[in-house]
Amino acid sequence: MKEQDSIPTSKTERSAKFVKTGFKVGGNYIKHYSKKLFNPSLTKDELNLDNATDIYTSLSEINKPQTQTLPIIITTEETSKTIY
């Protein structure tokens, strides 16, 4: 699990975090559709999993709780990922 040194507190810092997350999600779409060119039967499960991971991570860094949280396990037919 990645340690966080500080929580973005200003509007600008939070906005920058959302923009960065948007670029990550956009990159996930580019990666997915480039893979789909070579494998047309590819499903969106991996894309959805990657997007969910990036969005959850970003939101948890913006609003970090003071107590320890339990891990979230995201499972699709093909893959499984644990997010802390």
Protein backbone atom coordinates (compact mmCIF):
# COMPACT_ATOMS: atom_id res chain seq x y z
CA MET A 1 0.00 0.00 0.00
CA LYS A 2 1.32 3.43 -0.91
CA GLU A 3 1.90 5.81 2.02
CA GLN A 4 0.45 9.26 1.65
CA ASP A 5 2.42 12.22 2.96
CA SER A 6 -0.21 14.92 2.61
CA ILE A 7 -3.83 15.36 1.63
CA PRO A 8 -4.66 17.96 -1.03
CA THR A 9 -6.54 20.69 0.81
CA SER A 10 -6.94 23.58 -1.59
CA LYS A 11 -9.43 23.67 -4.44
CA THR A 12 -6.58 23.85 -6.94
CA GLU A 13 -4.84 20.78 -5.52
CA ARG A 14 -8.07 18.77 -5.52
CA SER A 15 -8.88 19.88 -9.06
CA ALA A 16 -5.41 18.89 -10.21
CA LYS A 17 -5.93 15.46 -8.64
CA PHE A 18 -9.18 15.00 -10.58
CA VAL A 19 -7.52 16.08 -13.82
CA LYS A 20 -4.67 13.62 -13.22
CA THR A 21 -7.21 10.86 -12.59
CA GLY A 22 -9.03 11.81 -15.79
CA PHE A 23 -5.82 11.37 -17.74
CA LYS A 24 -5.28 7.96 -16.14
CA VAL A 25 -8.79 6.85 -17.09
CA GLY A 26 -8.26 8.18 -20.62
CA GLY A 27 -5.03 6.22 -20.81
CA ASN A 28 -6.91 3.11 -19.72
CA TYR A 29 -9.33 3.59 -22.64
CA ILE A 30 -6.46 4.03 -25.11
CA LYS A 31 -4.76 0.91 -23.74
CA HIS A 32 -8.02 -1.09 -23.90
CA TYR A 33 -8.92 -0.13 -27.46
CA SER A 34 -5.37 -0.68 -28.72
CA LYS A 35 -5.53 -4.21 -27.25
CA LYS A 36 -8.96 -4.66 -28.83
CA LEU A 37 -7.49 -4.02 -32.28
CA PHE A 38 -5.52 -7.26 -31.95
CA ASN A 39 -8.16 -9.19 -29.99
CA PRO A 40 -11.71 -8.18 -31.06
CA SER A 41 -13.32 -10.54 -28.52
CA LEU A 42 -11.76 -8.64 -25.59
CA THR A 43 -14.33 -7.61 -22.96
CA LYS A 44 -14.43 -4.41 -20.94
CA ASP A 45 -13.80 -6.23 -17.64
CA GLU A 46 -10.13 -5.25 -17.45
CA LEU A 47 -10.94 -1.67 -18.51
CA ASN A 48 -13.61 -1.36 -15.83
CA LEU A 49 -11.29 -2.83 -13.21
CA ASP A 50 -8.46 -0.43 -14.09
CA ASN A 51 -10.81 2.57 -14.10
CA ALA A 52 -12.35 1.58 -10.77
CA THR A 53 -8.90 1.19 -9.23
CA ASP A 54 -7.68 4.59 -10.47
CA ILE A 55 -10.84 6.42 -9.41
CA TYR A 56 -10.99 4.76 -5.98
CA THR A 57 -7.31 5.50 -5.35
CA SER A 58 -7.75 9.13 -6.35
CA LEU A 59 -10.82 9.64 -4.17
CA SER A 60 -9.19 7.95 -1.21
CA GLU A 61 -6.20 10.29 -1.49
CA ILE A 62 -8.47 13.34 -1.53
CA ASN A 63 -10.60 12.29 1.42
CA LYS A 64 -8.30 10.10 3.49
CA PRO A 65 -10.09 8.84 6.63
CA GLN A 66 -8.28 9.01 9.95
CA THR A 67 -9.10 5.38 10.77
CA GLN A 68 -7.79 2.29 9.07
CA THR A 69 -10.02 1.01 6.27
CA LEU A 70 -10.58 -2.52 5.10
CA PRO A 71 -9.39 -3.48 1.63
CA ILE A 72 -11.86 -3.47 -1.26
CA ILE A 73 -11.71 -6.49 -3.53
CA ILE A 74 -12.93 -5.93 -7.09
CA THR A 75 -13.55 -9.15 -8.98
CA THR A 76 -14.53 -9.77 -12.59
CA GLU A 77 -14.78 -13.02 -14.50
CA GLU A 78 -11.16 -12.83 -15.62
CA THR A 79 -9.29 -10.85 -12.96
CA SER A 80 -9.30 -9.87 -9.33
CA LYS A 81 -7.71 -6.84 -7.66
CA THR A 82 -7.39 -5.78 -4.03
CA ILE A 83 -7.35 -2.05 -3.24
CA TYR A 84 -6.27 -0.77 0.15
